[in-house]
Structure formats: C-alpha cells, structure tokens
Amino acid sequence: MSAPSNANAAPLVGVVLEEQIDITVDQVCALCRVERTQIVHLVEEGVIDPMQPASAVAQWRFSGEALARARRAVRLQRELELNPAAAALVLDLLDEIAALREALRR
C-alpha cells in the first residue's frame, strides 16, 4: 500500500545543523577518538581544512562538514590501515563518485 501523495505539498526546507557547527581541534580529536597529531596529518594532506587558517594548531576551528570528513578518514585509516595520503585519495574518489551519481540523477 502506497502513502497518499499531496501534489500541492510544499518542499521541505531546513538547515543541516552539522554544517553549522564550529568546533575546536580538541573537540574533533575527542569525537574521532584520535590524538591531535593525526588531525594535523589530515590537515597537512588536505583531507580537512580549518575554517580560518591559524598558525597555532590550538586555534584551529572546524565545520561540521570537516568533522564528518575527518571521521570518515579516521575510519578508513583504522579499518583499511591507510596512511593519511591514501585516506585523502579515497575520500576524493568517493566524493567524485557521489558527484557523478548526482549528475546522472539530473
């Protein structure tokens, strides 16, 4: 049995809160369960970028999108024993696949 459709229904509009957050490097470390050096390596490899570059690592702030990407990179590193450069490559390829799939849907 299918759900009733409403042709006049307005599209859902909302804000993804994860993208709106602003978190410190220490919070990223805690949420990813890694040492600060691992997050520094991810930044050095271009996996994630601080919202505003700062000379001191302690001053780095990250978006929710960066947190999600860091968590994926850490998971790849743990499960597949990848180094940060390999994790960066895998994430870039996954992003490209997602973009291509989205283009096919249009």
C-alpha atoms as a PDB file:
ATOM      1  CA  MET A   1       0.000   0.000   0.000  1.00  0.00           C
ATOM      2  CA  SER A   2       1.497   3.317  -1.011  1.00  0.00           C
ATOM      3  CA  ALA A   3       1.381   6.501   1.002  1.00  0.00           C
ATOM      4  CA  PRO A   4      -1.034   9.175  -0.172  1.00  0.00           C
ATOM      5  CA  SER A   5       0.607  11.890  -2.232  1.00  0.00           C
ATOM      6  CA  ASN A   6      -0.162  15.550  -1.959  1.00  0.00           C
ATOM      7  CA  ALA A   7       0.601  17.347  -5.223  1.00  0.00           C
ATOM      8  CA  ASN A   8       0.278  20.735  -3.514  1.00  0.00           C
ATOM      9  CA  ALA A   9       2.663  19.964  -0.656  1.00  0.00           C
ATOM     10  CA  ALA A  10       5.473  22.454  -0.181  1.00  0.00           C
ATOM     11  CA  PRO A  11       9.025  21.095  -0.309  1.00  0.00           C
ATOM     12  CA  LEU A  12      10.720  20.534   2.999  1.00  0.00           C
ATOM     13  CA  VAL A  13      13.178  23.256   3.895  1.00  0.00           C
ATOM     14  CA  GLY A  14      15.657  23.007   6.730  1.00  0.00           C
ATOM     15  CA  VAL A  15      19.170  23.582   7.912  1.00  0.00           C
ATOM     16  CA  VAL A  16      21.600  20.753   8.410  1.00  0.00           C
ATOM     17  CA  LEU A  17      22.902  21.587  11.858  1.00  0.00           C
ATOM     18  CA  GLU A  18      26.077  19.589  11.444  1.00  0.00           C
ATOM     19  CA  GLU A  19      27.272  22.025   8.796  1.00  0.00           C
ATOM     20  CA  GLN A  20      26.566  24.984  11.059  1.00  0.00           C
ATOM     21  CA  ILE A  21      28.729  23.931  13.988  1.00  0.00           C
ATOM     22  CA  ASP A  22      32.108  25.393  14.812  1.00  0.00           C
ATOM     23  CA  ILE A  23      34.339  23.060  16.808  1.00  0.00           C
ATOM     24  CA  THR A  24      37.895  23.128  18.100  1.00  0.00           C
ATOM     25  CA  VAL A  25      40.682  20.791  17.118  1.00  0.00           C
ATOM     26  CA  ASP A  26      40.473  19.175  20.557  1.00  0.00           C
ATOM     27  CA  GLN A  27      36.765  18.503  20.060  1.00  0.00           C
ATOM     28  CA  VAL A  28      37.489  16.938  16.661  1.00  0.00           C
ATOM     29  CA  CYS A  29      40.123  14.751  18.329  1.00  0.00           C
ATOM     30  CA  ALA A  30      37.667  13.666  21.017  1.00  0.00           C
ATOM     31  CA  LEU A  31      34.866  12.945  18.552  1.00  0.00           C
ATOM     32  CA  CYS A  32      37.192  10.981  16.254  1.00  0.00           C
ATOM     33  CA  ARG A  33      38.986   9.344  19.195  1.00  0.00           C
ATOM     34  CA  VAL A  34      42.438  10.236  17.905  1.00  0.00           C
ATOM     35  CA  GLU A  35      45.465  12.217  19.030  1.00  0.00           C
ATOM     36  CA  ARG A  36      45.962  15.772  17.813  1.00  0.00           C
ATOM     37  CA  THR A  37      48.876  14.677  15.594  1.00  0.00           C
ATOM     38  CA  GLN A  38      46.516  12.554  13.495  1.00  0.00           C
ATOM     39  CA  ILE A  39      44.250  15.557  12.864  1.00  0.00           C
ATOM     40  CA  VAL A  40      47.318  17.632  11.981  1.00  0.00           C
ATOM     41  CA  HIS A  41      48.296  14.967   9.416  1.00  0.00           C
ATOM     42  CA  LEU A  42      44.785  15.097   7.924  1.00  0.00           C
ATOM     43  CA  VAL A  43      45.080  18.875   7.573  1.00  0.00           C
ATOM     44  CA  GLU A  44      48.558  18.569   6.047  1.00  0.00           C
ATOM     45  CA  GLU A  45      47.243  16.083   3.467  1.00  0.00           C
ATOM     46  CA  GLY A  46      44.286  18.318   2.612  1.00  0.00           C
ATOM     47  CA  VAL A  47      41.667  15.883   3.914  1.00  0.00           C
ATOM     48  CA  ILE A  48      40.164  18.616   6.076  1.00  0.00           C
ATOM     49  CA  ASP A  49      40.780  22.341   6.346  1.00  0.00           C
ATOM     50  CA  PRO A  50      40.394  24.637   9.325  1.00  0.00           C
ATOM     51  CA  MET A  51      37.687  27.254   8.799  1.00  0.00           C
ATOM     52  CA  GLN A  52      40.235  30.072   9.154  1.00  0.00           C
ATOM     53  CA  PRO A  53      43.926  29.304   8.909  1.00  0.00           C
ATOM     54  CA  ALA A  54      45.791  29.939  12.155  1.00  0.00           C
ATOM     55  CA  SER A  55      49.443  29.485  12.925  1.00  0.00           C
ATOM     56  CA  ALA A  56      48.748  27.708  16.210  1.00  0.00           C
ATOM     57  CA  VAL A  57      47.051  24.313  15.942  1.00  0.00           C
ATOM     58  CA  ALA A  58      45.161  25.005  19.182  1.00  0.00           C
ATOM     59  CA  GLN A  59      43.360  27.874  17.417  1.00  0.00           C
ATOM     60  CA  TRP A  60      42.058  25.768  14.526  1.00  0.00           C
ATOM     61  CA  ARG A  61      38.247  25.630  14.190  1.00  0.00           C
ATOM     62  CA  PHE A  62      36.387  23.156  12.006  1.00  0.00           C
ATOM     63  CA  SER A  63      32.952  22.933  10.413  1.00  0.00           C
ATOM     64  CA  GLY A  64      30.594  20.016  10.777  1.00  0.00           C
ATOM     65  CA  GLU A  65      31.441  19.001   7.224  1.00  0.00           C
ATOM     66  CA  ALA A  66      35.139  18.825   8.167  1.00  0.00           C
ATOM     67  CA  LEU A  67      34.249  16.740  11.217  1.00  0.00           C
ATOM     68  CA  ALA A  68      32.282  14.264   9.091  1.00  0.00           C
ATOM     69  CA  ARG A  69      35.143  14.036   6.613  1.00  0.00           C
ATOM     70  CA  ALA A  70      37.692  13.557   9.410  1.00  0.00           C
ATOM     71  CA  ARG A  71      35.604  10.757  10.895  1.00  0.00           C
ATOM     72  CA  ARG A  72      35.428   9.011   7.526  1.00  0.00           C
ATOM     73  CA  ALA A  73      39.188   9.402   7.050  1.00  0.00           C
ATOM     74  CA  VAL A  74      39.916   8.039  10.521  1.00  0.00           C
ATOM     75  CA  ARG A  75      37.630   5.084   9.874  1.00  0.00           C
ATOM     76  CA  LEU A  76      39.422   4.354   6.590  1.00  0.00           C
ATOM     77  CA  GLN A  77      42.768   4.580   8.338  1.00  0.00           C
ATOM     78  CA  ARG A  78      41.703   2.211  11.095  1.00  0.00           C
ATOM     79  CA  GLU A  79      39.802  -0.355   9.049  1.00  0.00           C
ATOM     80  CA  LEU A  80      41.999  -0.440   5.952  1.00  0.00           C
ATOM     81  CA  GLU A  81      45.266   0.622   7.594  1.00  0.00           C
ATOM     82  CA  LEU A  82      45.653   3.562   5.204  1.00  0.00           C
ATOM     83  CA  ASN A  83      48.048   6.427   5.738  1.00  0.00           C
ATOM     84  CA  PRO A  84      46.635   9.994   5.624  1.00  0.00           C
ATOM     85  CA  ALA A  85      47.593  10.473   1.951  1.00  0.00           C
ATOM     86  CA  ALA A  86      45.807   7.277   0.916  1.00  0.00           C
ATOM     87  CA  ALA A  87      42.753   8.204   3.005  1.00  0.00           C
ATOM     88  CA  ALA A  88      42.693  11.604   1.268  1.00  0.00           C
ATOM     89  CA  LEU A  89      42.779   9.919  -2.141  1.00  0.00           C
ATOM     90  CA  VAL A  90      39.986   7.504  -1.235  1.00  0.00           C
ATOM     91  CA  LEU A  91      37.796  10.333   0.089  1.00  0.00           C
ATOM     92  CA  ASP A  92      38.405  12.403  -3.047  1.00  0.00           C
ATOM     93  CA  LEU A  93      37.420   9.447  -5.221  1.00  0.00           C
ATOM     94  CA  LEU A  94      34.296   8.801  -3.132  1.00  0.00           C
ATOM     95  CA  ASP A  95      33.360  12.489  -3.474  1.00  0.00           C
ATOM     96  CA  GLU A  96      33.826  12.277  -7.235  1.00  0.00           C
ATOM     97  CA  ILE A  97      31.648   9.161  -7.438  1.00  0.00           C
ATOM     98  CA  ALA A  98      28.928  10.921  -5.433  1.00  0.00           C
ATOM     99  CA  ALA A  99      29.103  13.964  -7.738  1.00  0.00           C
ATOM    100  CA  LEU A 100      28.856  11.787 -10.834  1.00  0.00           C
ATOM    101  CA  ARG A 101      25.874   9.911  -9.414  1.00  0.00           C
ATOM    102  CA  GLU A 102      24.182  13.209  -8.599  1.00  0.00           C
ATOM    103  CA  ALA A 103      24.816  14.428 -12.160  1.00  0.00           C
ATOM    104  CA  LEU A 104      23.238  11.264 -13.551  1.00  0.00           C
ATOM    105  CA  ARG A 105      20.111  11.834 -11.458  1.00  0.00           C
ATOM    106  CA  ARG A 106      19.522  15.252 -13.007  1.00  0.00           C
END
